């Protein structure tokens, strides 16, 4: 977790105005925030909703091979995060 925070801080430090690189931190957040909202901000923790959002965003990405989508989903499953709405 400390490494993740350090990476995020580095990205934010390089793009404080969210005009380029920082967009990588938003992957899955639009869908994840929608899941949080429609589920009443209680069914899913923020990270759980974002993991689902990232898998959905990967599935919707034009040109992303299914093997890459499956790898993303598998990584989340292996850490105990959900990859679909339940």
PDB file of N, CA and C in Angstrom:
ATOM      1  N   UNK A   1       0.819  -1.193   0.000  1.00  0.00           N
ATOM      2  CA  UNK A   1       0.000   0.000   0.000  1.00  0.00           C
ATOM      3  C   UNK A   1       0.863   1.257   0.000  1.00  0.00           C
ATOM      4  N   UNK A   2       1.953   1.238   0.729  1.00  0.00           N
ATOM      5  CA  UNK A   2       2.835   2.402   0.771  1.00  0.00           C
ATOM      6  C   UNK A   2       3.397   2.695  -0.608  1.00  0.00           C
ATOM      7  N   UNK A   3       3.757   1.629  -1.339  1.00  0.00           N
ATOM      8  CA  UNK A   3       4.291   1.829  -2.696  1.00  0.00           C
ATOM      9  C   UNK A   3       3.232   2.444  -3.607  1.00  0.00           C
ATOM     10  N   UNK A   4       1.986   1.983  -3.495  1.00  0.00           N
ATOM     11  CA  UNK A   4       0.901   2.543  -4.306  1.00  0.00           C
ATOM     12  C   UNK A   4       0.718   4.035  -4.014  1.00  0.00           C
ATOM     13  N   UNK A   5       0.768   4.389  -2.750  1.00  0.00           N
ATOM     14  CA  UNK A   5       0.622   5.797  -2.364  1.00  0.00           C
ATOM     15  C   UNK A   5       1.777   6.633  -2.892  1.00  0.00           C
ATOM     16  N   UNK A   6       2.971   6.074  -2.855  1.00  0.00           N
ATOM     17  CA  UNK A   6       4.145   6.796  -3.362  1.00  0.00           C
ATOM     18  C   UNK A   6       4.034   7.017  -4.866  1.00  0.00           C
ATOM     19  N   UNK A   7       3.568   6.005  -5.588  1.00  0.00           N
ATOM     20  CA  UNK A   7       3.393   6.140  -7.036  1.00  0.00           C
ATOM     21  C   UNK A   7       2.342   7.201  -7.342  1.00  0.00           C
ATOM     22  N   UNK A   8       1.228   7.152  -6.618  1.00  0.00           N
ATOM     23  CA  UNK A   8       0.169   8.136  -6.835  1.00  0.00           C
ATOM     24  C   UNK A   8       0.675   9.549  -6.541  1.00  0.00           C
ATOM     25  N   UNK A   9       1.412   9.711  -5.460  1.00  0.00           N
ATOM     26  CA  UNK A   9       1.957  11.023  -5.109  1.00  0.00           C
ATOM     27  C   UNK A   9       2.906  11.528  -6.190  1.00  0.00           C
ATOM     28  N   UNK A  10       3.700  10.638  -6.754  1.00  0.00           N
ATOM     29  CA  UNK A  10       4.618  11.016  -7.830  1.00  0.00           C
ATOM     30  C   UNK A  10       3.854  11.490  -9.057  1.00  0.00           C
ATOM     31  N   UNK A  11       2.804  10.761  -9.425  1.00  0.00           N
ATOM     32  CA  UNK A  11       1.988  11.144 -10.580  1.00  0.00           C
ATOM     33  C   UNK A  11       1.323  12.492 -10.335  1.00  0.00           C
ATOM     34  N   UNK A  12       0.730  12.671  -9.171  1.00  0.00           N
ATOM     35  CA  UNK A  12       0.062  13.936  -8.836  1.00  0.00           C
ATOM     36  C   UNK A  12       1.077  15.074  -8.830  1.00  0.00           C
ATOM     37  N   UNK A  13       2.275  14.819  -8.299  1.00  0.00           N
ATOM     38  CA  UNK A  13       3.319  15.837  -8.275  1.00  0.00           C
ATOM     39  C   UNK A  13       3.757  16.262  -9.662  1.00  0.00           C
ATOM     40  N   UNK A  14       3.703  15.345 -10.607  1.00  0.00           N
ATOM     41  CA  UNK A  14       4.091  15.658 -11.982  1.00  0.00           C
ATOM     42  C   UNK A  14       2.978  16.359 -12.761  1.00  0.00           C
ATOM     43  N   UNK A  15       1.744  16.216 -12.293  1.00  0.00           N
ATOM     44  CA  UNK A  15       0.603  16.778 -13.023  1.00  0.00           C
ATOM     45  C   UNK A  15      -0.437  17.287 -12.032  1.00  0.00           C
ATOM     46  N   UNK A  16      -0.105  18.348 -11.334  1.00  0.00           N
ATOM     47  CA  UNK A  16      -0.979  18.873 -10.288  1.00  0.00           C
ATOM     48  C   UNK A  16      -2.298  19.431 -10.819  1.00  0.00           C
ATOM     49  N   UNK A  17      -2.329  19.838 -12.084  1.00  0.00           N
ATOM     50  CA  UNK A  17      -3.547  20.440 -12.639  1.00  0.00           C
ATOM     51  C   UNK A  17      -4.390  19.459 -13.439  1.00  0.00           C
ATOM     52  N   UNK A  18      -4.028  18.188 -13.389  1.00  0.00           N
ATOM     53  CA  UNK A  18      -4.773  17.134 -14.069  1.00  0.00           C
ATOM     54  C   UNK A  18      -4.948  17.426 -15.563  1.00  0.00           C
ATOM     55  N   UNK A  19      -3.826  17.738 -16.210  1.00  0.00           N
ATOM     56  CA  UNK A  19      -3.869  18.084 -17.634  1.00  0.00           C
ATOM     57  C   UNK A  19      -3.209  17.041 -18.530  1.00  0.00           C
ATOM     58  N   UNK A  20      -2.801  15.921 -17.958  1.00  0.00           N
ATOM     59  CA  UNK A  20      -2.145  14.917 -18.786  1.00  0.00           C
ATOM     60  C   UNK A  20      -1.985  13.591 -18.072  1.00  0.00           C
ATOM     61  N   UNK A  21      -0.782  13.341 -17.582  1.00  0.00           N
ATOM     62  CA  UNK A  21      -0.424  12.064 -16.962  1.00  0.00           C
ATOM     63  C   UNK A  21      -1.394  11.630 -15.864  1.00  0.00           C
ATOM     64  N   UNK A  22      -1.865  12.570 -15.092  1.00  0.00           N
ATOM     65  CA  UNK A  22      -2.719  12.252 -13.946  1.00  0.00           C
ATOM     66  C   UNK A  22      -4.005  11.515 -14.338  1.00  0.00           C
ATOM     67  N   UNK A  23      -4.395  11.615 -15.578  1.00  0.00           N
ATOM     68  CA  UNK A  23      -5.598  10.922 -16.053  1.00  0.00           C
ATOM     69  C   UNK A  23      -5.505   9.419 -15.826  1.00  0.00           C
ATOM     70  N   UNK A  24      -4.287   8.869 -15.752  1.00  0.00           N
ATOM     71  CA  UNK A  24      -4.158   7.423 -15.524  1.00  0.00           C
ATOM     72  C   UNK A  24      -4.721   7.010 -14.174  1.00  0.00           C
ATOM     73  N   UNK A  25      -4.799   7.962 -13.248  1.00  0.00           N
ATOM     74  CA  UNK A  25      -5.340   7.651 -11.924  1.00  0.00           C
ATOM     75  C   UNK A  25      -6.865   7.548 -11.937  1.00  0.00           C
ATOM     76  N   UNK A  26      -7.497   7.959 -13.027  1.00  0.00           N
ATOM     77  CA  UNK A  26      -8.956   7.958 -13.115  1.00  0.00           C
ATOM     78  C   UNK A  26      -9.523   6.671 -13.704  1.00  0.00           C
ATOM     79  N   UNK A  27      -8.679   5.757 -14.125  1.00  0.00           N
ATOM     80  CA  UNK A  27      -9.119   4.518 -14.768  1.00  0.00           C
ATOM     81  C   UNK A  27     -10.145   3.800 -13.892  1.00  0.00           C
ATOM     82  N   UNK A  28     -11.356   3.659 -14.424  1.00  0.00           N
ATOM     83  CA  UNK A  28     -12.422   2.951 -13.718  1.00  0.00           C
ATOM     84  C   UNK A  28     -13.213   3.788 -12.733  1.00  0.00           C
ATOM     85  N   UNK A  29     -12.797   5.025 -12.489  1.00  0.00           N
ATOM     86  CA  UNK A  29     -13.461   5.817 -11.459  1.00  0.00           C
ATOM     87  C   UNK A  29     -14.860   6.295 -11.847  1.00  0.00           C
ATOM     88  N   UNK A  30     -15.081   6.618 -13.100  1.00  0.00           N
ATOM     89  CA  UNK A  30     -16.423   7.081 -13.493  1.00  0.00           C
ATOM     90  C   UNK A  30     -17.445   5.988 -13.228  1.00  0.00           C
ATOM     91  N   UNK A  31     -17.148   4.798 -13.682  1.00  0.00           N
ATOM     92  CA  UNK A  31     -18.059   3.673 -13.468  1.00  0.00           C
ATOM     93  C   UNK A  31     -18.105   3.309 -11.982  1.00  0.00           C
ATOM     94  N   UNK A  32     -16.963   3.294 -11.335  1.00  0.00           N
ATOM     95  CA  UNK A  32     -16.907   2.966  -9.911  1.00  0.00           C
ATOM     96  C   UNK A  32     -17.720   3.920  -9.054  1.00  0.00           C
ATOM     97  N   UNK A  33     -17.628   5.215  -9.352  1.00  0.00           N
ATOM     98  CA  UNK A  33     -18.415   6.192  -8.590  1.00  0.00           C
ATOM     99  C   UNK A  33     -19.907   6.016  -8.854  1.00  0.00           C
ATOM    100  N   UNK A  34     -20.263   5.649 -10.083  1.00  0.00           N
ATOM    101  CA  UNK A  34     -21.676   5.380 -10.380  1.00  0.00           C
ATOM    102  C   UNK A  34     -22.172   4.176  -9.583  1.00  0.00           C
ATOM    103  N   UNK A  35     -21.336   3.144  -9.470  1.00  0.00           N
ATOM    104  CA  UNK A  35     -21.710   1.958  -8.680  1.00  0.00           C
ATOM    105  C   UNK A  35     -21.900   2.339  -7.221  1.00  0.00           C
ATOM    106  N   UNK A  36     -20.991   3.153  -6.687  1.00  0.00           N
ATOM    107  CA  UNK A  36     -21.139   3.609  -5.298  1.00  0.00           C
ATOM    108  C   UNK A  36     -22.462   4.347  -5.122  1.00  0.00           C
ATOM    109  N   UNK A  37     -22.768   5.220  -6.065  1.00  0.00           N
ATOM    110  CA  UNK A  37     -23.967   6.040  -5.970  1.00  0.00           C
ATOM    111  C   UNK A  37     -25.237   5.197  -6.030  1.00  0.00           C
ATOM    112  N   UNK A  38     -25.364   4.342  -7.041  1.00  0.00           N
ATOM    113  CA  UNK A  38     -26.608   3.581  -7.185  1.00  0.00           C
ATOM    114  C   UNK A  38     -26.782   2.522  -6.104  1.00  0.00           C
ATOM    115  N   UNK A  39     -25.667   2.170  -5.443  1.00  0.00           N
ATOM    116  CA  UNK A  39     -25.789   1.178  -4.367  1.00  0.00           C
ATOM    117  C   UNK A  39     -25.918   1.841  -2.998  1.00  0.00           C
ATOM    118  N   UNK A  40     -26.060   3.165  -2.996  1.00  0.00           N
ATOM    119  CA  UNK A  40     -26.315   3.882  -1.748  1.00  0.00           C
ATOM    120  C   UNK A  40     -25.090   4.111  -0.878  1.00  0.00           C
ATOM    121  N   UNK A  41     -23.904   4.080  -1.446  1.00  0.00           N
ATOM    122  CA  UNK A  41     -22.665   4.354  -0.708  1.00  0.00           C
ATOM    123  C   UNK A  41     -22.515   3.486   0.536  1.00  0.00           C
ATOM    124  N   UNK A  42     -22.855   2.232   0.420  1.00  0.00           N
ATOM    125  CA  UNK A  42     -22.710   1.376   1.582  1.00  0.00           C
ATOM    126  C   UNK A  42     -22.452  -0.078   1.235  1.00  0.00           C
ATOM    127  N   UNK A  43     -22.889  -0.471   0.065  1.00  0.00           N
ATOM    128  CA  UNK A  43     -22.737  -1.868  -0.317  1.00  0.00           C
ATOM    129  C   UNK A  43     -21.283  -2.180  -0.678  1.00  0.00           C
ATOM    130  N   UNK A  44     -20.608  -1.242  -1.319  1.00  0.00           N
ATOM    131  CA  UNK A  44     -19.223  -1.435  -1.763  1.00  0.00           C
ATOM    132  C   UNK A  44     -18.314  -0.379  -1.147  1.00  0.00           C
ATOM    133  N   UNK A  45     -17.160  -0.802  -0.698  1.00  0.00           N
ATOM    134  CA  UNK A  45     -16.126   0.153  -0.327  1.00  0.00           C
ATOM    135  C   UNK A  45     -15.647   0.841  -1.602  1.00  0.00           C
ATOM    136  N   UNK A  46     -15.024   1.993  -1.473  1.00  0.00           N
ATOM    137  CA  UNK A  46     -14.563   2.735  -2.652  1.00  0.00           C
ATOM    138  C   UNK A  46     -13.671   1.858  -3.539  1.00  0.00           C
ATOM    139  N   UNK A  47     -12.709   1.189  -2.951  1.00  0.00           N
ATOM    140  CA  UNK A  47     -11.794   0.350  -3.725  1.00  0.00           C
ATOM    141  C   UNK A  47     -12.496  -0.795  -4.433  1.00  0.00           C
ATOM    142  N   UNK A  48     -13.521  -1.338  -3.804  1.00  0.00           N
ATOM    143  CA  UNK A  48     -14.295  -2.416  -4.432  1.00  0.00           C
ATOM    144  C   UNK A  48     -15.038  -1.896  -5.658  1.00  0.00           C
ATOM    145  N   UNK A  49     -15.673  -0.741  -5.517  1.00  0.00           N
ATOM    146  CA  UNK A  49     -16.403  -0.160  -6.640  1.00  0.00           C
ATOM    147  C   UNK A  49     -15.455   0.192  -7.779  1.00  0.00           C
ATOM    148  N   UNK A  50     -14.266   0.678  -7.445  1.00  0.00           N
ATOM    149  CA  UNK A  50     -13.301   1.041  -8.476  1.00  0.00           C
ATOM    150  C   UNK A  50     -12.758  -0.203  -9.169  1.00  0.00           C
ATOM    151  N   UNK A  51     -12.552  -1.293  -8.441  1.00  0.00           N
ATOM    152  CA  UNK A  51     -12.071  -2.514  -9.098  1.00  0.00           C
ATOM    153  C   UNK A  51     -13.102  -3.016 -10.112  1.00  0.00           C
ATOM    154  N   UNK A  52     -14.370  -2.950  -9.752  1.00  0.00           N
ATOM    155  CA  UNK A  52     -15.427  -3.319 -10.698  1.00  0.00           C
ATOM    156  C   UNK A  52     -15.406  -2.352 -11.884  1.00  0.00           C
ATOM    157  N   UNK A  53     -15.292  -1.073 -11.584  1.00  0.00           N
ATOM    158  CA  UNK A  53     -15.248  -0.054 -12.635  1.00  0.00           C
ATOM    159  C   UNK A  53     -14.086  -0.245 -13.584  1.00  0.00           C
ATOM    160  N   UNK A  54     -12.936  -0.657 -13.066  1.00  0.00           N
ATOM    161  CA  UNK A  54     -11.777  -0.872 -13.928  1.00  0.00           C
ATOM    162  C   UNK A  54     -11.984  -2.063 -14.857  1.00  0.00           C
ATOM    163  N   UNK A  55     -12.591  -3.110 -14.355  1.00  0.00           N
ATOM    164  CA  UNK A  55     -12.862  -4.273 -15.211  1.00  0.00           C
ATOM    165  C   UNK A  55     -13.869  -3.892 -16.296  1.00  0.00           C
ATOM    166  N   UNK A  56     -14.915  -3.167 -15.923  1.00  0.00           N
ATOM    167  CA  UNK A  56     -15.908  -2.734 -16.918  1.00  0.00           C
ATOM    168  C   UNK A  56     -15.255  -1.807 -17.947  1.00  0.00           C
ATOM    169  N   UNK A  57     -14.458  -0.854 -17.485  1.00  0.00           N
ATOM    170  CA  UNK A  57     -13.783   0.060 -18.408  1.00  0.00           C
ATOM    171  C   UNK A  57     -12.856  -0.696 -19.353  1.00  0.00           C
ATOM    172  N   UNK A  58     -12.171  -1.694 -18.841  1.00  0.00           N
ATOM    173  CA  UNK A  58     -11.291  -2.506 -19.686  1.00  0.00           C
ATOM    174  C   UNK A  58     -12.106  -3.240 -20.745  1.00  0.00           C
ATOM    175  N   UNK A  59     -13.262  -3.783 -20.339  1.00  0.00           N
ATOM    176  CA  UNK A  59     -14.122  -4.494 -21.299  1.00  0.00           C
ATOM    177  C   UNK A  59     -14.634  -3.555 -22.392  1.00  0.00           C
ATOM    178  N   UNK A  60     -14.877  -2.305 -22.032  1.00  0.00           N
ATOM    179  CA  UNK A  60     -15.399  -1.335 -22.993  1.00  0.00           C
ATOM    180  C   UNK A  60     -14.316  -0.715 -23.867  1.00  0.00           C
ATOM    181  N   UNK A  61     -13.065  -0.894 -23.498  1.00  0.00           N
ATOM    182  CA  UNK A  61     -11.961  -0.279 -24.237  1.00  0.00           C
ATOM    183  C   UNK A  61     -11.832  -0.879 -25.626  1.00  0.00           C
ATOM    184  N   UNK A  62     -11.863  -0.024 -26.612  1.00  0.00           N
ATOM    185  CA  UNK A  62     -11.713  -0.479 -27.996  1.00  0.00           C
ATOM    186  C   UNK A  62     -10.298  -1.001 -28.206  1.00  0.00           C
ATOM    187  N   UNK A  63     -10.222  -2.200 -28.715  1.00  0.00           N
ATOM    188  CA  UNK A  63      -8.928  -2.751 -29.067  1.00  0.00           C
ATOM    189  C   UNK A  63      -8.172  -3.447 -27.954  1.00  0.00           C
ATOM    190  N   UNK A  64      -8.688  -3.430 -26.735  1.00  0.00           N
ATOM    191  CA  UNK A  64      -7.989  -4.127 -25.652  1.00  0.00           C
ATOM    192  C   UNK A  64      -8.290  -5.616 -25.766  1.00  0.00           C
ATOM    193  N   UNK A  65      -7.251  -6.421 -25.935  1.00  0.00           N
ATOM    194  CA  UNK A  65      -7.481  -7.861 -26.084  1.00  0.00           C
ATOM    195  C   UNK A  65      -8.156  -8.458 -24.851  1.00  0.00           C
ATOM    196  N   UNK A  66      -9.028  -9.424 -25.062  1.00  0.00           N
ATOM    197  CA  UNK A  66      -9.747 -10.080 -23.968  1.00  0.00           C
ATOM    198  C   UNK A  66      -8.778 -10.660 -22.946  1.00  0.00           C
ATOM    199  N   UNK A  67      -7.617 -11.144 -23.385  1.00  0.00           N
ATOM    200  CA  UNK A  67      -6.650 -11.708 -22.433  1.00  0.00           C
ATOM    201  C   UNK A  67      -6.188 -10.643 -21.430  1.00  0.00           C
ATOM    202  N   UNK A  68      -6.110  -9.393 -21.862  1.00  0.00           N
ATOM    203  CA  UNK A  68      -5.726  -8.317 -20.948  1.00  0.00           C
ATOM    204  C   UNK A  68      -6.851  -7.996 -19.974  1.00  0.00           C
ATOM    205  N   UNK A  69      -8.076  -8.014 -20.464  1.00  0.00           N
ATOM    206  CA  UNK A  69      -9.233  -7.803 -19.587  1.00  0.00           C
ATOM    207  C   UNK A  69      -9.275  -8.918 -18.541  1.00  0.00           C
ATOM    208  N   UNK A  70      -9.081 -10.160 -18.989  1.00  0.00           N
ATOM    209  CA  UNK A  70      -9.100 -11.308 -18.074  1.00  0.00           C
ATOM    210  C   UNK A  70      -7.978 -11.197 -17.044  1.00  0.00           C
ATOM    211  N   UNK A  71      -6.833 -10.717 -17.455  1.00  0.00           N
ATOM    212  CA  UNK A  71      -5.699 -10.560 -16.520  1.00  0.00           C
ATOM    213  C   UNK A  71      -6.020  -9.523 -15.448  1.00  0.00           C
ATOM    214  N   UNK A  72      -6.610  -8.410 -15.850  1.00  0.00           N
ATOM    215  CA  UNK A  72      -6.993  -7.373 -14.884  1.00  0.00           C
ATOM    216  C   UNK A  72      -7.985  -7.953 -13.876  1.00  0.00           C
ATOM    217  N   UNK A  73      -9.011  -8.627 -14.387  1.00  0.00           N
ATOM    218  CA  UNK A  73     -10.025  -9.220 -13.507  1.00  0.00           C
ATOM    219  C   UNK A  73      -9.399 -10.256 -12.580  1.00  0.00           C
ATOM    220  N   UNK A  74      -8.509 -11.075 -13.103  1.00  0.00           N
ATOM    221  CA  UNK A  74      -7.862 -12.106 -12.288  1.00  0.00           C
ATOM    222  C   UNK A  74      -7.015 -11.499 -11.176  1.00  0.00           C
ATOM    223  N   UNK A  75      -6.303 -10.435 -11.474  1.00  0.00           N
ATOM    224  CA  UNK A  75      -5.489  -9.771 -10.440  1.00  0.00           C
ATOM    225  C   UNK A  75      -6.370  -9.278  -9.297  1.00  0.00           C
ATOM    226  N   UNK A  76      -7.504  -8.669  -9.642  1.00  0.00           N
ATOM    227  CA  UNK A  76      -8.411  -8.199  -8.591  1.00  0.00           C
ATOM    228  C   UNK A  76      -8.999  -9.363  -7.802  1.00  0.00           C
ATOM    229  N   UNK A  77      -9.429 -10.411  -8.500  1.00  0.00           N
ATOM    230  CA  UNK A  77      -9.983 -11.588  -7.805  1.00  0.00           C
ATOM    231  C   UNK A  77      -8.967 -12.161  -6.815  1.00  0.00           C
ATOM    232  N   UNK A  78      -7.726 -12.253  -7.232  1.00  0.00           N
ATOM    233  CA  UNK A  78      -6.671 -12.846  -6.387  1.00  0.00           C
ATOM    234  C   UNK A  78      -6.413 -12.014  -5.129  1.00  0.00           C
ATOM    235  N   UNK A  79      -6.748 -10.736  -5.153  1.00  0.00           N
ATOM    236  CA  UNK A  79      -6.586  -9.910  -3.954  1.00  0.00           C
ATOM    237  C   UNK A  79      -7.871  -9.802  -3.156  1.00  0.00           C
ATOM    238  N   UNK A  80      -8.923 -10.507  -3.611  1.00  0.00           N
ATOM    239  CA  UNK A  80     -10.180 -10.514  -2.878  1.00  0.00           C
ATOM    240  C   UNK A  80     -11.129  -9.395  -3.263  1.00  0.00           C
ATOM    241  N   UNK A  81     -10.825  -8.653  -4.326  1.00  0.00           N
ATOM    242  CA  UNK A  81     -11.711  -7.570  -4.748  1.00  0.00           C
ATOM    243  C   UNK A  81     -12.749  -8.097  -5.732  1.00  0.00           C
ATOM    244  N   UNK A  82     -13.944  -7.515  -5.717  1.00  0.00           N
ATOM    245  CA  UNK A  82     -14.970  -7.954  -6.660  1.00  0.00           C
ATOM    246  C   UNK A  82     -14.671  -7.420  -8.062  1.00  0.00           C
ATOM    247  N   UNK A  83     -15.150  -8.137  -9.058  1.00  0.00           N
ATOM    248  CA  UNK A  83     -14.966  -7.706 -10.449  1.00  0.00           C
ATOM    249  C   UNK A  83     -16.301  -7.548 -11.164  1.00  0.00           C
ATOM    250  N   UNK A  84     -17.383  -7.867 -10.467  1.00  0.00           N
ATOM    251  CA  UNK A  84     -18.734  -7.670 -10.993  1.00  0.00           C
ATOM    252  C   UNK A  84     -19.629  -7.187  -9.859  1.00  0.00           C
ATOM    253  N   UNK A  85     -20.720  -6.562 -10.219  1.00  0.00           N
ATOM    254  CA  UNK A  85     -21.715  -6.138  -9.231  1.00  0.00           C
ATOM    255  C   UNK A  85     -22.429  -7.393  -8.758  1.00  0.00           C
ATOM    256  N   UNK A  86     -22.606  -7.514  -7.462  1.00  0.00           N
ATOM    257  CA  UNK A  86     -23.291  -8.689  -6.912  1.00  0.00           C
ATOM    258  C   UNK A  86     -24.551  -8.290  -6.194  1.00  0.00           C
TER     259      UNK A  86
END
